[in-house]
Protein backbone atom coordinates (compact mmCIF):
# COMPACT_ATOMS: atom_id res chain seq x y z
CA MET A 1 133.80 21.94 -50.67
CA THR A 2 137.36 22.94 -48.72
CA THR A 3 135.54 20.58 -45.79
CA LEU A 4 135.77 17.48 -47.89
CA ARG A 5 139.02 18.52 -49.05
CA ALA A 6 140.42 18.84 -45.18
CA ALA A 7 139.38 15.38 -44.74
CA ALA A 8 140.99 13.58 -47.97
CA VAL A 9 144.33 15.58 -46.43
CA VAL A 10 143.72 14.58 -42.69
CA ILE A 11 143.21 10.73 -44.17
CA THR A 12 146.06 10.94 -46.58
CA ILE A 13 148.88 11.99 -43.95
CA ALA A 14 146.87 9.35 -41.37
CA ALA A 15 147.91 6.49 -44.05
CA ALA A 16 151.45 8.20 -44.82
CA ALA A 17 151.85 8.25 -40.81
CA CYS A 18 151.01 4.32 -40.42
CA ALA A 19 154.15 3.15 -42.56
CA THR A 20 156.71 0.90 -40.84
CA GLU A 21 160.37 2.01 -41.09
CA SER A 22 160.97 -1.27 -43.50
CA GLY A 23 158.51 0.91 -46.10
CA GLU A 24 155.44 -1.75 -45.31
CA GLN A 25 151.98 0.35 -44.43
CA THR A 26 150.28 -1.11 -41.52
CA GLU A 27 146.43 -0.91 -41.92
CA LEU A 28 144.14 1.13 -39.61
CA THR A 29 141.55 -1.38 -37.57
CA ARG A 30 138.31 -0.48 -37.92
CA ALA A 31 138.05 0.98 -34.45
CA GLN A 32 140.79 3.46 -35.77
CA LYS A 33 139.33 4.57 -38.37
CA ASP A 34 136.03 5.10 -37.00
CA SER A 35 137.88 7.01 -34.20
CA LEU A 36 139.61 9.38 -37.00
CA VAL A 37 135.91 10.13 -38.95
CA ALA A 38 134.68 11.36 -35.34
CA GLU A 39 136.95 13.94 -35.08
CA LEU A 40 137.01 15.43 -38.79
CA PRO A 41 134.72 18.43 -39.19
CA ILE A 42 132.44 16.83 -41.66
CA PRO A 43 128.55 16.31 -41.55
CA GLY A 44 127.52 13.05 -39.11
CA ALA A 45 131.60 12.85 -37.83
CA SER A 46 129.44 13.41 -34.53
CA GLY A 47 127.18 10.59 -34.54
CA VAL A 48 130.42 8.29 -35.37
CA GLY A 49 131.84 9.54 -32.28
CA GLY A 50 128.55 9.27 -30.32
CA ALA A 51 128.33 5.37 -31.70
CA LEU A 52 131.59 4.56 -30.67
CA GLU A 53 130.83 6.19 -27.41
CA ALA A 54 127.78 4.14 -26.80
CA ARG A 55 129.80 0.87 -28.15
CA ASP A 56 132.32 1.07 -25.37
CA ARG A 57 129.06 1.66 -22.62
CA ALA A 58 128.22 -1.24 -23.44
CA ASN A 59 131.21 -3.27 -23.70
CA ALA A 60 131.63 -1.73 -20.52
CA ARG A 61 128.32 -3.08 -19.00
CA THR A 62 128.61 -6.30 -21.07
CA ALA A 63 131.91 -6.95 -18.86
CA ALA A 64 130.43 -5.69 -15.89
CA HIS A 65 127.69 -8.21 -16.06
CA ASP A 66 130.09 -11.13 -17.02
CA SER A 67 131.65 -10.39 -13.66
CA ILE A 68 128.88 -10.51 -11.68
CA GLY A 69 127.96 -14.11 -13.08
CA GLY A 70 131.75 -15.20 -12.46
CA ARG A 71 132.51 -15.87 -15.93
CA SER A 72 135.49 -14.35 -17.41
CA PRO A 73 135.74 -13.46 -21.22
């Protein structure tokens, strides 16, 4: 229960930190949210981090393959 409470505090602080000077709140991208979750000490967080790394590796492979074929994104 304490890890859940800690996660709620971290998310609340992160959301508050995203407020702009004019008082408007900006939204986090999905990747930013996933990155925050991957750092939390909750069950499954390491799986989220692993998925992010796998996505990054796949994107790097795709970029390398695209550069071989002479295509630019």
